[in-house]
PDB file of N, CA and C in Angstrom:
ATOM      1  N   UNK A   1       3.150  15.836   0.593  1.00  0.00           N
ATOM      2  CA  UNK A   1       3.629  15.831   1.614  1.00  0.00           C
ATOM      3  C   UNK A   1       4.599  13.762   1.234  1.00  0.00           C
ATOM      4  N   UNK A   2       5.967  14.146   2.016  1.00  0.00           N
ATOM      5  CA  UNK A   2       6.643  12.822   1.290  1.00  0.00           C
ATOM      6  C   UNK A   2       6.377  11.764   2.224  1.00  0.00           C
ATOM      7  N   UNK A   3       6.595  10.493   1.464  1.00  0.00           N
ATOM      8  CA  UNK A   3       6.373   8.990   2.159  1.00  0.00           C
ATOM      9  C   UNK A   3       6.967   8.784   3.501  1.00  0.00           C
ATOM     10  N   UNK A   4       8.058   9.516   4.031  1.00  0.00           N
ATOM     11  CA  UNK A   4       8.560   9.512   5.005  1.00  0.00           C
ATOM     12  C   UNK A   4       7.782  10.274   5.911  1.00  0.00           C
ATOM     13  N   UNK A   5       7.670  11.576   5.854  1.00  0.00           N
ATOM     14  CA  UNK A   5       6.975  12.031   6.833  1.00  0.00           C
ATOM     15  C   UNK A   5       5.269  11.538   7.086  1.00  0.00           C
ATOM     16  N   UNK A   6       4.903  11.455   5.546  1.00  0.00           N
ATOM     17  CA  UNK A   6       3.535  10.704   5.854  1.00  0.00           C
ATOM     18  C   UNK A   6       3.236   9.701   7.415  1.00  0.00           C
ATOM     19  N   UNK A   7       4.585   8.691   6.620  1.00  0.00           N
ATOM     20  CA  UNK A   7       4.438   7.577   7.872  1.00  0.00           C
ATOM     21  C   UNK A   7       4.856   8.188   9.341  1.00  0.00           C
ATOM     22  N   UNK A   8       5.445   9.173   9.528  1.00  0.00           N
ATOM     23  CA  UNK A   8       5.988   9.530  10.958  1.00  0.00           C
ATOM     24  C   UNK A   8       4.664  10.253  11.598  1.00  0.00           C
ATOM     25  N   UNK A   9       3.954  10.884  10.766  1.00  0.00           N
ATOM     26  CA  UNK A   9       2.660  11.620  11.097  1.00  0.00           C
ATOM     27  C   UNK A   9       1.665  10.704  11.283  1.00  0.00           C
ATOM     28  N   UNK A  10       1.437   9.405  10.595  1.00  0.00           N
ATOM     29  CA  UNK A  10       0.748   8.074  11.055  1.00  0.00           C
ATOM     30  C   UNK A  10       1.064   7.621  12.526  1.00  0.00           C
ATOM     31  N   UNK A  11       2.210   7.737  12.710  1.00  0.00           N
ATOM     32  CA  UNK A  11       2.447   7.268  13.705  1.00  0.00           C
ATOM     33  C   UNK A  11       2.069   8.222  15.121  1.00  0.00           C
ATOM     34  N   UNK A  12       2.010   9.161  14.736  1.00  0.00           N
ATOM     35  CA  UNK A  12       1.812  10.354  15.985  1.00  0.00           C
ATOM     36  C   UNK A  12      -0.299  10.048  16.573  1.00  0.00           C
ATOM     37  N   UNK A  13      -0.466  10.424  14.913  1.00  0.00           N
ATOM     38  CA  UNK A  13      -2.049  10.621  14.615  1.00  0.00           C
ATOM     39  C   UNK A  13      -2.624   9.675  13.701  1.00  0.00           C
ATOM     40  N   UNK A  14      -2.983   8.338  13.941  1.00  0.00           N
ATOM     41  CA  UNK A  14      -3.173   7.784  12.268  1.00  0.00           C
ATOM     42  C   UNK A  14      -4.594   8.375  11.757  1.00  0.00           C
ATOM     43  N   UNK A  15      -4.552   8.041  10.246  1.00  0.00           N
ATOM     44  CA  UNK A  15      -5.522   8.835   9.593  1.00  0.00           C
ATOM     45  C   UNK A  15      -5.490   7.868   8.138  1.00  0.00           C
ATOM     46  N   UNK A  16      -6.577   7.903   8.038  1.00  0.00           N
ATOM     47  CA  UNK A  16      -7.230   7.225   6.557  1.00  0.00           C
ATOM     48  C   UNK A  16      -6.431   5.913   6.416  1.00  0.00           C
ATOM     49  N   UNK A  17      -6.477   5.192   5.081  1.00  0.00           N
ATOM     50  CA  UNK A  17      -5.815   4.173   5.216  1.00  0.00           C
ATOM     51  C   UNK A  17      -4.397   3.870   5.446  1.00  0.00           C
ATOM     52  N   UNK A  18      -3.569   4.374   5.306  1.00  0.00           N
ATOM     53  CA  UNK A  18      -2.190   4.547   5.662  1.00  0.00           C
ATOM     54  C   UNK A  18      -2.372   4.493   7.472  1.00  0.00           C
ATOM     55  N   UNK A  19      -3.114   5.254   8.065  1.00  0.00           N
ATOM     56  CA  UNK A  19      -3.027   5.224   9.345  1.00  0.00           C
ATOM     57  C   UNK A  19      -3.786   3.631   9.938  1.00  0.00           C
ATOM     58  N   UNK A  20      -4.853   3.317   9.311  1.00  0.00           N
ATOM     59  CA  UNK A  20      -5.415   1.948   9.759  1.00  0.00           C
ATOM     60  C   UNK A  20      -4.324   0.986   9.140  1.00  0.00           C
ATOM     61  N   UNK A  21      -3.386   0.909   8.543  1.00  0.00           N
ATOM     62  CA  UNK A  21      -2.469   0.257   8.485  1.00  0.00           C
ATOM     63  C   UNK A  21      -1.118  -0.158   9.594  1.00  0.00           C
ATOM     64  N   UNK A  22      -1.215   1.718   9.487  1.00  0.00           N
ATOM     65  CA  UNK A  22      -0.460   1.491  10.932  1.00  0.00           C
ATOM     66  C   UNK A  22      -0.667   0.941  12.439  1.00  0.00           C
ATOM     67  N   UNK A  23      -1.890   1.295  12.401  1.00  0.00           N
ATOM     68  CA  UNK A  23      -2.634   0.883  13.855  1.00  0.00           C
ATOM     69  C   UNK A  23      -2.172  -0.617  13.946  1.00  0.00           C
ATOM     70  N   UNK A  24      -2.573  -1.526  12.745  1.00  0.00           N
ATOM     71  CA  UNK A  24      -2.586  -2.612  12.694  1.00  0.00           C
ATOM     72  C   UNK A  24      -0.836  -3.018  13.152  1.00  0.00           C
ATOM     73  N   UNK A  25      -0.129  -2.327  12.264  1.00  0.00           N
ATOM     74  CA  UNK A  25       1.203  -2.642  12.720  1.00  0.00           C
ATOM     75  C   UNK A  25       1.421  -2.602  14.152  1.00  0.00           C
ATOM     76  N   UNK A  26       1.193  -1.171  14.670  1.00  0.00           N
ATOM     77  CA  UNK A  26       1.712  -0.929  16.335  1.00  0.00           C
ATOM     78  C   UNK A  26       1.082  -1.952  17.214  1.00  0.00           C
ATOM     79  N   UNK A  27      -0.525  -2.394  16.759  1.00  0.00           N
ATOM     80  CA  UNK A  27      -0.728  -3.486  18.053  1.00  0.00           C
ATOM     81  C   UNK A  27       0.228  -4.633  17.710  1.00  0.00           C
ATOM     82  N   UNK A  28       0.504  -4.936  16.587  1.00  0.00           N
ATOM     83  CA  UNK A  28       1.372  -6.107  16.487  1.00  0.00           C
ATOM     84  C   UNK A  28       2.485  -5.961  16.971  1.00  0.00           C
ATOM     85  N   UNK A  29       3.377  -4.720  16.659  1.00  0.00           N
ATOM     86  CA  UNK A  29       4.866  -4.655  17.090  1.00  0.00           C
ATOM     87  C   UNK A  29       5.029  -4.330  18.580  1.00  0.00           C
ATOM     88  N   UNK A  30       3.871  -3.910  19.352  1.00  0.00           N
ATOM     89  CA  UNK A  30       3.795  -3.424  20.700  1.00  0.00           C
ATOM     90  C   UNK A  30       3.273  -4.642  21.995  1.00  0.00           C
ATOM     91  N   UNK A  31       2.819  -5.606  21.290  1.00  0.00           N
ATOM     92  CA  UNK A  31       2.318  -6.680  21.813  1.00  0.00           C
ATOM     93  C   UNK A  31       3.351  -7.129  23.072  1.00  0.00           C
ATOM     94  N   UNK A  32       4.557  -7.223  22.354  1.00  0.00           N
ATOM     95  CA  UNK A  32       5.675  -8.213  23.425  1.00  0.00           C
ATOM     96  C   UNK A  32       5.777  -6.933  24.711  1.00  0.00           C
ATOM     97  N   UNK A  33       5.790  -6.020  24.311  1.00  0.00           N
ATOM     98  CA  UNK A  33       6.317  -4.915  25.543  1.00  0.00           C
ATOM     99  C   UNK A  33       4.942  -4.515  26.236  1.00  0.00           C
ATOM    100  N   UNK A  34       3.990  -4.510  25.798  1.00  0.00           N
ATOM    101  CA  UNK A  34       2.453  -4.781  26.782  1.00  0.00           C
ATOM    102  C   UNK A  34       2.354  -5.473  27.461  1.00  0.00           C
ATOM    103  N   UNK A  35       2.816  -6.788  26.697  1.00  0.00           N
ATOM    104  CA  UNK A  35       2.180  -8.123  27.418  1.00  0.00           C
ATOM    105  C   UNK A  35       3.123  -8.218  28.603  1.00  0.00           C
ATOM    106  N   UNK A  36       4.619  -7.715  28.706  1.00  0.00           N
ATOM    107  CA  UNK A  36       5.735  -7.541  29.267  1.00  0.00           C
ATOM    108  C   UNK A  36       5.189  -6.957  30.684  1.00  0.00           C
ATOM    109  N   UNK A  37       4.645  -5.602  30.298  1.00  0.00           N
ATOM    110  CA  UNK A  37       4.297  -4.613  31.181  1.00  0.00           C
ATOM    111  C   UNK A  37       3.038  -4.763  32.206  1.00  0.00           C
ATOM    112  N   UNK A  38       2.110  -5.707  31.504  1.00  0.00           N
ATOM    113  CA  UNK A  38       1.213  -5.878  32.423  1.00  0.00           C
ATOM    114  C   UNK A  38       1.051  -7.019  32.967  1.00  0.00           C
ATOM    115  N   UNK A  39       2.299  -7.858  32.970  1.00  0.00           N
ATOM    116  CA  UNK A  39       2.852  -8.877  33.956  1.00  0.00           C
ATOM    117  C   UNK A  39       3.088  -8.086  35.365  1.00  0.00           C
ATOM    118  N   UNK A  40       3.389  -7.148  35.179  1.00  0.00           N
ATOM    119  CA  UNK A  40       4.237  -6.413  36.664  1.00  0.00           C
ATOM    120  C   UNK A  40       2.825  -5.784  37.130  1.00  0.00           C
ATOM    121  N   UNK A  41       2.045  -5.697  36.729  1.00  0.00           N
ATOM    122  CA  UNK A  41       0.907  -5.155  37.497  1.00  0.00           C
ATOM    123  C   UNK A  41      -0.122  -5.912  37.650  1.00  0.00           C
ATOM    124  N   UNK A  42      -0.289  -6.295  39.306  1.00  0.00           N
ATOM    125  CA  UNK A  42      -1.508  -7.141  40.130  1.00  0.00           C
ATOM    126  C   UNK A  42      -2.696  -6.814  39.605  1.00  0.00           C
ATOM    127  N   UNK A  43      -3.409  -6.867  38.371  1.00  0.00           N
ATOM    128  CA  UNK A  43      -4.416  -6.182  37.692  1.00  0.00           C
ATOM    129  C   UNK A  43      -5.640  -7.309  38.877  1.00  0.00           C
ATOM    130  N   UNK A  44      -6.210  -6.291  38.985  1.00  0.00           N
ATOM    131  CA  UNK A  44      -7.656  -7.087  40.056  1.00  0.00           C
ATOM    132  C   UNK A  44      -9.320  -7.159  39.349  1.00  0.00           C
ATOM    133  N   UNK A  45      -9.952  -7.999  39.613  1.00  0.00           N
ATOM    134  CA  UNK A  45     -11.474  -7.920  39.044  1.00  0.00           C
ATOM    135  C   UNK A  45     -12.059  -6.577  39.189  1.00  0.00           C
ATOM    136  N   UNK A  46     -13.038  -6.615  38.295  1.00  0.00           N
ATOM    137  CA  UNK A  46     -13.395  -5.371  38.921  1.00  0.00           C
ATOM    138  C   UNK A  46     -13.065  -3.734  38.464  1.00  0.00           C
ATOM    139  N   UNK A  47     -12.131  -3.925  38.039  1.00  0.00           N
ATOM    140  CA  UNK A  47     -11.078  -2.559  38.374  1.00  0.00           C
ATOM    141  C   UNK A  47     -11.640  -1.724  37.279  1.00  0.00           C
ATOM    142  N   UNK A  48     -11.686  -0.378  37.475  1.00  0.00           N
ATOM    143  CA  UNK A  48     -12.025   0.635  36.341  1.00  0.00           C
ATOM    144  C   UNK A  48     -10.582   1.095  35.878  1.00  0.00           C
ATOM    145  N   UNK A  49     -10.237   0.981  34.486  1.00  0.00           N
ATOM    146  CA  UNK A  49      -8.990   1.227  34.018  1.00  0.00           C
ATOM    147  C   UNK A  49      -9.462   2.218  33.007  1.00  0.00           C
ATOM    148  N   UNK A  50      -8.459   3.003  32.807  1.00  0.00           N
ATOM    149  CA  UNK A  50      -8.010   4.003  31.665  1.00  0.00           C
ATOM    150  C   UNK A  50      -6.575   4.033  30.747  1.00  0.00           C
ATOM    151  N   UNK A  51      -6.740   3.572  29.438  1.00  0.00           N
ATOM    152  CA  UNK A  51      -5.547   3.846  28.315  1.00  0.00           C
ATOM    153  C   UNK A  51      -5.613   4.566  27.675  1.00  0.00           C
ATOM    154  N   UNK A  52      -4.692   6.042  27.943  1.00  0.00           N
ATOM    155  CA  UNK A  52      -4.867   6.749  27.272  1.00  0.00           C
ATOM    156  C   UNK A  52      -3.521   7.023  25.861  1.00  0.00           C
ATOM    157  N   UNK A  53      -3.904   6.996  24.938  1.00  0.00           N
ATOM    158  CA  UNK A  53      -3.352   6.812  23.752  1.00  0.00           C
ATOM    159  C   UNK A  53      -3.534   5.327  23.414  1.00  0.00           C
ATOM    160  N   UNK A  54      -4.849   4.649  23.300  1.00  0.00           N
ATOM    161  CA  UNK A  54      -5.270   3.268  23.085  1.00  0.00           C
ATOM    162  C   UNK A  54      -5.273   2.939  21.654  1.00  0.00           C
ATOM    163  N   UNK A  55      -4.651   3.559  21.328  1.00  0.00           N
ATOM    164  CA  UNK A  55      -4.398   3.226  19.357  1.00  0.00           C
ATOM    165  C   UNK A  55      -5.728   2.235  19.122  1.00  0.00           C
ATOM    166  N   UNK A  56      -4.765   1.283  18.584  1.00  0.00           N
ATOM    167  CA  UNK A  56      -6.050   0.462  17.756  1.00  0.00           C
ATOM    168  C   UNK A  56      -6.661  -0.501  18.697  1.00  0.00           C
ATOM    169  N   UNK A  57      -6.765  -0.276  20.081  1.00  0.00           N
ATOM    170  CA  UNK A  57      -7.715  -0.972  20.937  1.00  0.00           C
ATOM    171  C   UNK A  57      -6.940  -2.557  21.589  1.00  0.00           C
ATOM    172  N   UNK A  58      -5.765  -2.988  21.082  1.00  0.00           N
ATOM    173  CA  UNK A  58      -5.239  -4.079  21.412  1.00  0.00           C
ATOM    174  C   UNK A  58      -5.033  -4.124  22.790  1.00  0.00           C
ATOM    175  N   UNK A  59      -4.365  -3.564  23.636  1.00  0.00           N
ATOM    176  CA  UNK A  59      -4.218  -3.375  25.253  1.00  0.00           C
ATOM    177  C   UNK A  59      -5.856  -3.238  25.862  1.00  0.00           C
ATOM    178  N   UNK A  60      -6.672  -2.627  25.370  1.00  0.00           N
ATOM    179  CA  UNK A  60      -7.766  -2.622  25.815  1.00  0.00           C
ATOM    180  C   UNK A  60      -8.383  -4.089  25.599  1.00  0.00           C
ATOM    181  N   UNK A  61      -8.324  -4.832  24.840  1.00  0.00           N
ATOM    182  CA  UNK A  61      -8.376  -6.274  24.934  1.00  0.00           C
ATOM    183  C   UNK A  61      -7.827  -7.248  26.014  1.00  0.00           C
ATOM    184  N   UNK A  62      -6.351  -6.550  26.114  1.00  0.00           N
ATOM    185  CA  UNK A  62      -5.699  -7.523  26.783  1.00  0.00           C
ATOM    186  C   UNK A  62      -5.916  -7.047  28.541  1.00  0.00           C
ATOM    187  N   UNK A  63      -6.518  -5.885  28.532  1.00  0.00           N
ATOM    188  CA  UNK A  63      -6.755  -5.508  30.128  1.00  0.00           C
ATOM    189  C   UNK A  63      -8.314  -6.283  30.210  1.00  0.00           C
ATOM    190  N   UNK A  64      -9.213  -6.409  29.337  1.00  0.00           N
ATOM    191  CA  UNK A  64     -10.826  -7.023  29.670  1.00  0.00           C
ATOM    192  C   UNK A  64     -10.190  -8.242  29.750  1.00  0.00           C
ATOM    193  N   UNK A  65      -9.460  -8.719  29.297  1.00  0.00           N
ATOM    194  CA  UNK A  65      -9.208 -10.561  29.482  1.00  0.00           C
ATOM    195  C   UNK A  65      -8.390 -10.867  30.889  1.00  0.00           C
ATOM    196  N   UNK A  66      -7.854  -9.693  31.251  1.00  0.00           N
ATOM    197  CA  UNK A  66      -7.030  -9.925  32.758  1.00  0.00           C
ATOM    198  C   UNK A  66      -7.958  -9.760  34.066  1.00  0.00           C
ATOM    199  N   UNK A  67      -9.357  -9.037  33.675  1.00  0.00           N
ATOM    200  CA  UNK A  67      -9.851  -8.158  34.795  1.00  0.00           C
ATOM    201  C   UNK A  67     -11.577  -8.450  34.526  1.00  0.00           C
ATOM    202  N   UNK A  68     -11.763  -9.665  35.173  1.00  0.00           N
ATOM    203  CA  UNK A  68     -13.599  -9.957  35.056  1.00  0.00           C
ATOM    204  C   UNK A  68     -14.189  -8.739  35.910  1.00  0.00           C
ATOM    205  N   UNK A  69     -15.265  -8.629  35.009  1.00  0.00           N
ATOM    206  CA  UNK A  69     -16.078  -7.517  35.296  1.00  0.00           C
ATOM    207  C   UNK A  69     -15.450  -5.976  35.521  1.00  0.00           C
ATOM    208  N   UNK A  70     -14.339  -5.927  34.719  1.00  0.00           N
ATOM    209  CA  UNK A  70     -13.938  -4.449  34.865  1.00  0.00           C
ATOM    210  C   UNK A  70     -14.319  -3.343  33.993  1.00  0.00           C
ATOM    211  N   UNK A  71     -14.303  -2.230  34.116  1.00  0.00           N
ATOM    212  CA  UNK A  71     -14.623  -0.994  33.252  1.00  0.00           C
ATOM    213  C   UNK A  71     -13.263  -0.658  32.711  1.00  0.00           C
ATOM    214  N   UNK A  72     -13.233  -1.039  31.241  1.00  0.00           N
ATOM    215  CA  UNK A  72     -11.799  -0.604  30.491  1.00  0.00           C
ATOM    216  C   UNK A  72     -12.598   0.534  29.327  1.00  0.00           C
ATOM    217  N   UNK A  73     -11.494   1.752  29.693  1.00  0.00           N
ATOM    218  CA  UNK A  73     -11.772   3.193  28.717  1.00  0.00           C
ATOM    219  C   UNK A  73     -10.713   3.270  28.129  1.00  0.00           C
ATOM    220  N   UNK A  74     -10.533   3.715  26.993  1.00  0.00           N
ATOM    221  CA  UNK A  74      -9.987   4.129  26.149  1.00  0.00           C
ATOM    222  C   UNK A  74      -9.904   5.527  25.128  1.00  0.00           C
ATOM    223  N   UNK A  75      -8.860   6.062  25.189  1.00  0.00           N
ATOM    224  CA  UNK A  75      -9.116   7.656  24.565  1.00  0.00           C
ATOM    225  C   UNK A  75      -7.860   7.673  23.959  1.00  0.00           C
ATOM    226  N   UNK A  76      -7.927   8.625  22.525  1.00  0.00           N
ATOM    227  CA  UNK A  76      -6.976   8.933  21.861  1.00  0.00           C
ATOM    228  C   UNK A  76      -7.025  10.093  21.139  1.00  0.00           C
ATOM    229  N   UNK A  77      -6.123  10.588  20.288  1.00  0.00           N
ATOM    230  CA  UNK A  77      -6.139  11.867  19.878  1.00  0.00           C
ATOM    231  C   UNK A  77      -6.705  11.604  18.654  1.00  0.00           C
ATOM    232  N   UNK A  78      -6.231  10.666  17.950  1.00  0.00           N
ATOM    233  CA  UNK A  78      -6.897   9.846  16.451  1.00  0.00           C
ATOM    234  C   UNK A  78      -8.208   9.329  16.629  1.00  0.00           C
ATOM    235  N   UNK A  79      -9.030  10.130  15.637  1.00  0.00           N
ATOM    236  CA  UNK A  79     -10.440   9.452  15.534  1.00  0.00           C
ATOM    237  C   UNK A  79     -10.391   8.257  14.963  1.00  0.00           C
ATOM    238  N   UNK A  80      -9.175   7.973  13.827  1.00  0.00           N
ATOM    239  CA  UNK A  80      -8.828   6.419  13.224  1.00  0.00           C
ATOM    240  C   UNK A  80      -8.864   5.391  14.126  1.00  0.00           C
ATOM    241  N   UNK A  81      -8.190   5.702  15.406  1.00  0.00           N
ATOM    242  CA  UNK A  81      -7.676   5.011  16.312  1.00  0.00           C
ATOM    243  C   UNK A  81      -8.702   4.748  17.164  1.00  0.00           C
ATOM    244  N   UNK A  82      -9.817   5.743  17.891  1.00  0.00           N
ATOM    245  CA  UNK A  82     -10.953   5.426  18.400  1.00  0.00           C
ATOM    246  C   UNK A  82     -12.117   4.295  17.660  1.00  0.00           C
ATOM    247  N   UNK A  83     -12.125   4.452  16.194  1.00  0.00           N
ATOM    248  CA  UNK A  83     -13.005   4.070  15.290  1.00  0.00           C
ATOM    249  C   UNK A  83     -12.328   2.291  15.663  1.00  0.00           C
ATOM    250  N   UNK A  84     -10.891   2.330  15.351  1.00  0.00           N
ATOM    251  CA  UNK A  84     -10.806   0.565  15.362  1.00  0.00           C
ATOM    252  C   UNK A  84     -10.560   0.030  16.741  1.00  0.00           C
ATOM    253  N   UNK A  85     -10.496   0.670  17.971  1.00  0.00           N
ATOM    254  CA  UNK A  85     -10.493   0.476  18.933  1.00  0.00           C
ATOM    255  C   UNK A  85     -12.038   0.121  19.222  1.00  0.00           C
ATOM    256  N   UNK A  86     -12.945   0.410  18.865  1.00  0.00           N
ATOM    257  CA  UNK A  86     -14.574   0.506  19.017  1.00  0.00           C
ATOM    258  C   UNK A  86     -14.901  -1.187  18.190  1.00  0.00           C
ATOM    259  N   UNK A  87     -13.883  -1.127  17.152  1.00  0.00           N
ATOM    260  CA  UNK A  87     -14.465  -2.419  16.284  1.00  0.00           C
ATOM    261  C   UNK A  87     -13.934  -3.719  16.722  1.00  0.00           C
ATOM    262  N   UNK A  88     -12.941  -3.126  17.528  1.00  0.00           N
ATOM    263  CA  UNK A  88     -12.307  -4.492  17.728  1.00  0.00           C
ATOM    264  C   UNK A  88     -12.542  -5.076  19.274  1.00  0.00           C
ATOM    265  N   UNK A  89     -13.615  -4.245  19.828  1.00  0.00           N
ATOM    266  CA  UNK A  89     -14.402  -5.121  21.337  1.00  0.00           C
ATOM    267  C   UNK A  89     -15.838  -5.867  20.985  1.00  0.00           C
TER     268      UNK A  89
END
């Protein structure tokens, strides 16, 4: 598999060492847009929230900081993403 194809595959479903690197990159690069979007939502304490496509878990952490006593869930197609999100909590 060519390097470019491997990079794009790991954007959709991060796997292995390259996938872990991609998750770090996505958490960092998506932060400005995520923070902007979360400012537009009047998040309340005690909410139950679901992050579909949770990636490396950075948004899960942001939601936890914005909602005391909340239940935050994340799902992702990538086992690598779920493992990273679990470790970042």
